[in-house]
N, C-alpha and C. Protein backbone atom coordinates (compact mmCIF):
# COMPACT_ATOMS: atom_id res chain seq x y z
N MET A 1 19.89 6.77 0.39
CA MET A 1 18.29 6.42 1.43
C MET A 1 17.82 5.48 0.32
N ALA A 2 17.55 5.43 -1.03
CA ALA A 2 17.25 4.51 -1.87
C ALA A 2 17.65 3.38 -1.90
N ARG A 3 18.75 2.96 -1.80
CA ARG A 3 19.38 1.47 -1.87
C ARG A 3 19.25 1.20 -0.54
N LEU A 4 19.29 1.74 0.47
CA LEU A 4 18.45 1.40 1.86
C LEU A 4 17.02 1.11 1.98
N ALA A 5 16.13 1.69 1.26
CA ALA A 5 14.82 1.43 1.26
C ALA A 5 14.94 0.17 0.39
N VAL A 6 15.46 0.05 -0.60
CA VAL A 6 15.18 -0.98 -1.55
C VAL A 6 15.78 -2.62 -0.52
N MET A 7 17.00 -2.76 0.08
CA MET A 7 17.56 -3.44 1.30
C MET A 7 16.46 -3.61 2.13
N LEU A 8 15.73 -2.61 2.56
CA LEU A 8 14.87 -2.97 3.51
C LEU A 8 13.33 -3.77 3.42
N ASN A 9 13.01 -3.14 1.92
CA ASN A 9 11.80 -3.70 1.56
C ASN A 9 11.93 -5.13 1.00
N HIS A 10 13.05 -5.10 0.45
CA HIS A 10 13.51 -6.62 0.05
C HIS A 10 13.92 -8.08 1.39
N GLU A 11 14.47 -7.10 2.22
CA GLU A 11 14.25 -7.73 3.72
C GLU A 11 13.02 -8.58 4.42
N MET A 12 12.54 -6.92 4.51
CA MET A 12 11.00 -7.21 5.18
C MET A 12 10.13 -8.32 3.94
N GLN A 13 10.12 -8.40 2.95
CA GLN A 13 9.34 -9.38 2.07
C GLN A 13 9.85 -10.77 2.34
N SER A 14 11.21 -10.74 2.31
CA SER A 14 11.60 -12.34 3.01
C SER A 14 11.28 -12.61 4.36
N LEU A 15 11.24 -11.64 4.94
CA LEU A 15 10.95 -12.43 7.01
C LEU A 15 9.39 -12.41 7.01
N VAL A 16 8.48 -11.93 5.82
CA VAL A 16 7.05 -12.07 5.95
C VAL A 16 6.91 -13.70 5.24
N ALA A 17 7.83 -13.87 4.24
CA ALA A 17 7.69 -15.05 3.14
C ALA A 17 8.00 -16.20 4.13
N GLU A 18 9.48 -16.28 5.28
CA GLU A 18 9.69 -16.75 6.35
C GLU A 18 8.37 -17.48 7.13
N LEU A 19 8.09 -16.17 7.58
CA LEU A 19 7.09 -16.24 8.87
C LEU A 19 6.00 -16.98 8.22
N ASN A 20 5.44 -16.55 7.19
CA ASN A 20 4.13 -17.27 6.63
C ASN A 20 4.80 -19.13 6.37
N GLY A 21 5.77 -19.15 6.17
CA GLY A 21 6.29 -20.75 6.36
C GLY A 21 5.84 -20.96 7.56
N GLU A 22 6.25 -20.46 8.51
CA GLU A 22 5.85 -21.09 10.20
C GLU A 22 4.69 -20.97 10.48
N LEU A 23 3.88 -20.12 9.66
CA LEU A 23 2.30 -20.10 9.88
C LEU A 23 1.63 -21.49 9.05
N ARG A 24 2.04 -22.02 8.40
CA ARG A 24 1.66 -22.83 7.86
C ARG A 24 0.62 -23.77 8.34
N GLY A 25 0.16 -23.91 10.00
CA GLY A 25 -0.16 -25.02 10.53
C GLY A 25 -1.52 -24.36 11.19
N SER A 26 -1.65 -22.41 10.69
CA SER A 26 -2.59 -21.91 11.33
C SER A 26 -2.88 -21.04 10.00
N PRO A 27 -4.24 -21.79 9.73
CA PRO A 27 -4.63 -21.51 8.32
C PRO A 27 -5.51 -20.29 8.63
N SER A 28 -6.08 -19.44 9.83
CA SER A 28 -6.49 -18.14 10.01
C SER A 28 -5.46 -17.05 10.27
N ILE A 29 -4.18 -17.51 10.23
CA ILE A 29 -3.11 -16.51 9.93
C ILE A 29 -2.53 -16.14 9.28
N ARG A 30 -2.13 -14.85 8.25
CA ARG A 30 -1.17 -14.57 7.52
C ARG A 30 -0.56 -13.43 7.33
N LEU A 31 0.62 -13.15 7.30
CA LEU A 31 1.12 -11.75 6.94
C LEU A 31 1.40 -11.72 5.30
N GLU A 32 0.85 -10.30 5.13
CA GLU A 32 1.01 -9.58 4.08
C GLU A 32 2.05 -8.78 4.03
N TYR A 33 2.67 -8.77 2.65
CA TYR A 33 3.89 -8.01 2.70
C TYR A 33 3.16 -7.57 1.31
N SER A 34 3.67 -6.28 1.18
CA SER A 34 3.10 -5.14 -0.45
C SER A 34 3.70 -4.00 -0.17
N ASP A 35 4.51 -3.74 -1.75
CA ASP A 35 5.46 -2.59 -2.25
C ASP A 35 4.79 -1.81 -3.00
N GLU A 36 3.14 -1.84 -2.97
CA GLU A 36 2.40 -0.96 -3.85
C GLU A 36 3.02 0.82 -3.66
N LEU A 37 3.02 1.10 -2.23
CA LEU A 37 3.38 2.25 -2.05
C LEU A 37 4.44 2.86 -2.80
N THR A 38 5.31 1.65 -2.48
CA THR A 38 6.94 1.77 -3.40
C THR A 38 6.96 2.20 -4.72
N LYS A 39 5.75 1.75 -5.10
CA LYS A 39 5.71 1.81 -6.90
C LYS A 39 5.23 3.15 -7.31
N VAL A 40 4.43 4.33 -6.43
CA VAL A 40 4.37 5.58 -6.40
C VAL A 40 5.02 6.03 -6.71
N ASP A 41 5.26 6.83 -7.76
CA ASP A 41 6.14 7.90 -8.73
C ASP A 41 6.31 9.45 -7.70
N PHE A 42 6.89 9.31 -6.57
CA PHE A 42 6.75 10.47 -5.98
C PHE A 42 7.31 11.73 -6.33
N GLY A 43 7.76 11.47 -7.62
CA GLY A 43 8.18 12.82 -8.28
C GLY A 43 7.64 13.52 -9.11
N ARG A 44 6.61 13.06 -9.03
CA ARG A 44 5.39 13.87 -10.12
C ARG A 44 4.98 15.14 -9.45
N VAL A 45 5.33 16.49 -9.63
CA VAL A 45 4.85 17.49 -9.09
C VAL A 45 3.62 17.68 -8.86
N GLU A 46 2.67 17.20 -9.57
CA GLU A 46 1.23 17.39 -9.17
C GLU A 46 0.96 16.72 -8.35
N LEU A 47 1.76 15.89 -7.15
CA LEU A 47 1.60 15.38 -6.31
C LEU A 47 1.66 15.95 -4.67
N ILE A 48 2.48 17.19 -5.15
CA ILE A 48 3.37 17.51 -4.18
C ILE A 48 2.05 18.89 -3.92
N ASN A 49 1.66 19.50 -2.89
CA ASN A 49 1.41 20.66 -2.29
C ASN A 49 1.71 21.95 -2.86
N THR A 50 1.49 22.87 -3.40
CA THR A 50 1.87 23.88 -4.23
C THR A 50 2.26 24.92 -3.23
N ILE A 51 1.83 24.93 -2.13
CA ILE A 51 1.78 26.03 -1.13
C ILE A 51 2.84 26.10 -0.40
N ASP A 52 3.35 24.29 0.62
CA ASP A 52 4.27 24.29 1.30
C ASP A 52 5.36 23.31 0.45
N ALA A 53 5.30 22.95 -0.88
CA ALA A 53 6.19 21.88 -1.65
C ALA A 53 6.68 20.87 -0.61
N TYR A 54 5.62 20.51 0.35
CA TYR A 54 6.24 19.21 1.00
C TYR A 54 5.32 18.25 1.66
N HIS A 55 4.15 18.60 1.43
CA HIS A 55 3.11 17.85 1.71
C HIS A 55 2.26 17.27 0.19
N PHE A 56 1.31 16.19 0.34
CA PHE A 56 0.95 16.08 -0.70
C PHE A 56 -0.20 17.07 -1.10
N SER A 57 -0.57 17.04 -2.03
CA SER A 57 -1.74 17.73 -2.62
C SER A 57 -2.77 16.48 -2.75
N ILE A 58 -3.99 17.24 -3.33
CA ILE A 58 -5.50 16.64 -3.04
C ILE A 58 -4.75 15.15 -3.98
N LYS A 59 -4.21 15.40 -5.14
CA LYS A 59 -4.00 14.36 -6.33
C LYS A 59 -2.98 13.28 -5.54
N GLY A 60 -2.17 14.01 -5.00
CA GLY A 60 -0.82 12.82 -4.37
C GLY A 60 -1.86 12.23 -2.80
N HIS A 61 -2.75 12.75 -2.31
CA HIS A 61 -3.40 12.08 -1.45
C HIS A 61 -4.21 10.79 -2.19
N THR A 62 -5.03 11.00 -3.24
CA THR A 62 -5.66 10.35 -4.03
C THR A 62 -5.09 9.11 -4.37
N THR A 63 -3.80 9.57 -4.91
CA THR A 63 -2.95 8.63 -5.90
C THR A 63 -2.19 7.71 -4.82
N VAL A 64 -2.22 7.99 -3.24
CA VAL A 64 -1.49 7.21 -1.93
C VAL A 64 -2.42 6.02 -1.65
N ALA A 65 -3.68 6.73 -1.61
CA ALA A 65 -4.94 5.80 -1.47
C ALA A 65 -5.25 4.90 -2.14
N GLU A 66 -5.33 5.22 -3.39
CA GLU A 66 -5.51 3.78 -4.29
C GLU A 66 -4.56 3.08 -4.16
N ALA A 67 -3.15 3.35 -3.96
CA ALA A 67 -1.93 2.39 -3.84
C ALA A 67 -2.22 1.44 -2.83
N ALA A 68 -2.56 1.64 -1.81
CA ALA A 68 -2.99 1.59 -0.51
C ALA A 68 -3.89 0.55 -0.20
N TRP A 69 -5.18 0.79 -0.82
CA TRP A 69 -6.59 0.43 -1.33
C TRP A 69 -6.01 -0.91 -2.07
N LYS A 70 -5.44 -1.20 -3.52
CA LYS A 70 -4.67 -1.79 -3.88
C LYS A 70 -3.68 -2.66 -3.31
N ALA A 71 -2.87 -2.80 -2.17
CA ALA A 71 -2.45 -3.00 -1.38
C ALA A 71 -3.01 -4.19 -0.34
N ILE A 72 -4.09 -3.50 -0.22
CA ILE A 72 -5.09 -4.77 1.18
C ILE A 72 -6.22 -5.24 0.36
N GLY A 73 -6.25 -5.17 -0.95
CA GLY A 73 -6.53 -6.44 -1.52
C GLY A 73 -6.39 -7.76 -1.31
N PRO A 74 -5.42 -8.26 -1.35
CA PRO A 74 -5.24 -9.76 -1.09
C PRO A 74 -5.56 -9.85 0.49
N SER A 75 -5.58 -8.60 1.25
CA SER A 75 -6.03 -9.38 2.85
C SER A 75 -7.72 -9.38 2.67
N PHE A 76 -7.94 -8.12 1.94
CA PHE A 76 -9.85 -8.51 2.09
C PHE A 76 -9.75 -10.16 1.58
N ARG A 77 -9.34 -10.65 0.27
CA ARG A 77 -9.89 -11.79 -0.09
C ARG A 77 -9.63 -12.80 1.08
N PHE A 78 -8.43 -12.64 1.86
CA PHE A 78 -8.13 -13.58 2.67
C PHE A 78 -9.11 -13.81 3.75
N LEU A 79 -9.97 -12.64 4.10
CA LEU A 79 -11.02 -12.32 5.08
C LEU A 79 -12.41 -12.63 4.76
N GLY A 80 -12.28 -13.09 3.48
CA GLY A 80 -13.42 -13.27 2.91
C GLY A 80 -14.15 -12.37 3.36
N ILE A 81 -14.28 -11.04 2.67
CA ILE A 81 -14.84 -9.63 2.51
C ILE A 81 -15.30 -9.58 1.13
N ASN A 82 -16.52 -9.36 0.83
CA ASN A 82 -17.20 -9.21 -0.57
C ASN A 82 -16.38 -8.75 -1.42
N ARG A 83 -16.75 -8.97 -2.78
CA ARG A 83 -15.97 -8.62 -3.85
C ARG A 83 -15.97 -7.42 -4.18
N VAL A 84 -17.52 -6.62 -3.84
CA VAL A 84 -17.86 -5.29 -4.20
C VAL A 84 -17.29 -4.84 -3.94
N ALA A 85 -16.92 -4.74 -2.30
CA ALA A 85 -16.02 -4.05 -1.55
C ALA A 85 -14.63 -3.90 -2.43
N LEU A 86 -14.11 -4.80 -2.72
CA LEU A 86 -13.10 -4.20 -3.54
C LEU A 86 -12.79 -3.67 -4.83
N ASN A 87 -14.07 -3.93 -5.08
CA ASN A 87 -13.85 -3.40 -6.34
C ASN A 87 -14.66 -1.95 -6.77
N ARG A 88 -14.52 -1.41 -5.11
CA ARG A 88 -15.30 0.26 -4.79
C ARG A 88 -13.47 0.75 -5.07
N ARG A 89 -13.80 1.99 -5.53
CA ARG A 89 -12.82 3.07 -5.48
C ARG A 89 -12.52 3.56 -4.17
N PRO A 90 -11.24 4.04 -3.64
CA PRO A 90 -11.43 4.81 -1.92
C PRO A 90 -12.04 6.12 -2.61
N PRO A 91 -12.18 6.91 -1.15
CA PRO A 91 -12.95 7.78 -1.33
C PRO A 91 -12.00 8.67 -1.63
N VAL A 92 -12.34 9.86 -2.75
CA VAL A 92 -11.73 10.78 -3.43
C VAL A 92 -11.95 11.92 -2.22
N ILE A 93 -10.73 12.61 -2.27
CA ILE A 93 -10.64 13.92 -1.28
C ILE A 93 -11.33 15.08 -1.73
N THR A 94 -11.73 15.68 -1.57
CA THR A 94 -12.29 16.78 -1.72
C THR A 94 -12.02 18.42 -0.75
N THR A 95 -11.95 19.26 -1.51
CA THR A 95 -11.77 20.57 -0.59
C THR A 95 -13.36 21.31 -0.43
N ARG A 96 -13.42 21.88 0.32
CA ARG A 96 -14.94 22.49 0.27
C ARG A 96 -14.83 24.06 -0.48
């Protein structure tokens, strides 16, 4: 499965690059590829919920949110969204 995931990610990255080449005449359209979520070390025990050992823990959710936040940075810049928004950290998930 890990090998298949690497192959699929490589193919998606190539496809996005190819499609962006075709979109050169459309400066308001751009596709983004990010592998930030594949870089998260899901093998770290503290990222997994201790109750069911399947879902993310609070730290796991926060880690994934931080990776997603990093991944959408180029899209923010492309859209001209204020840099202040880029420098904010994603909200931290807490329990009551």
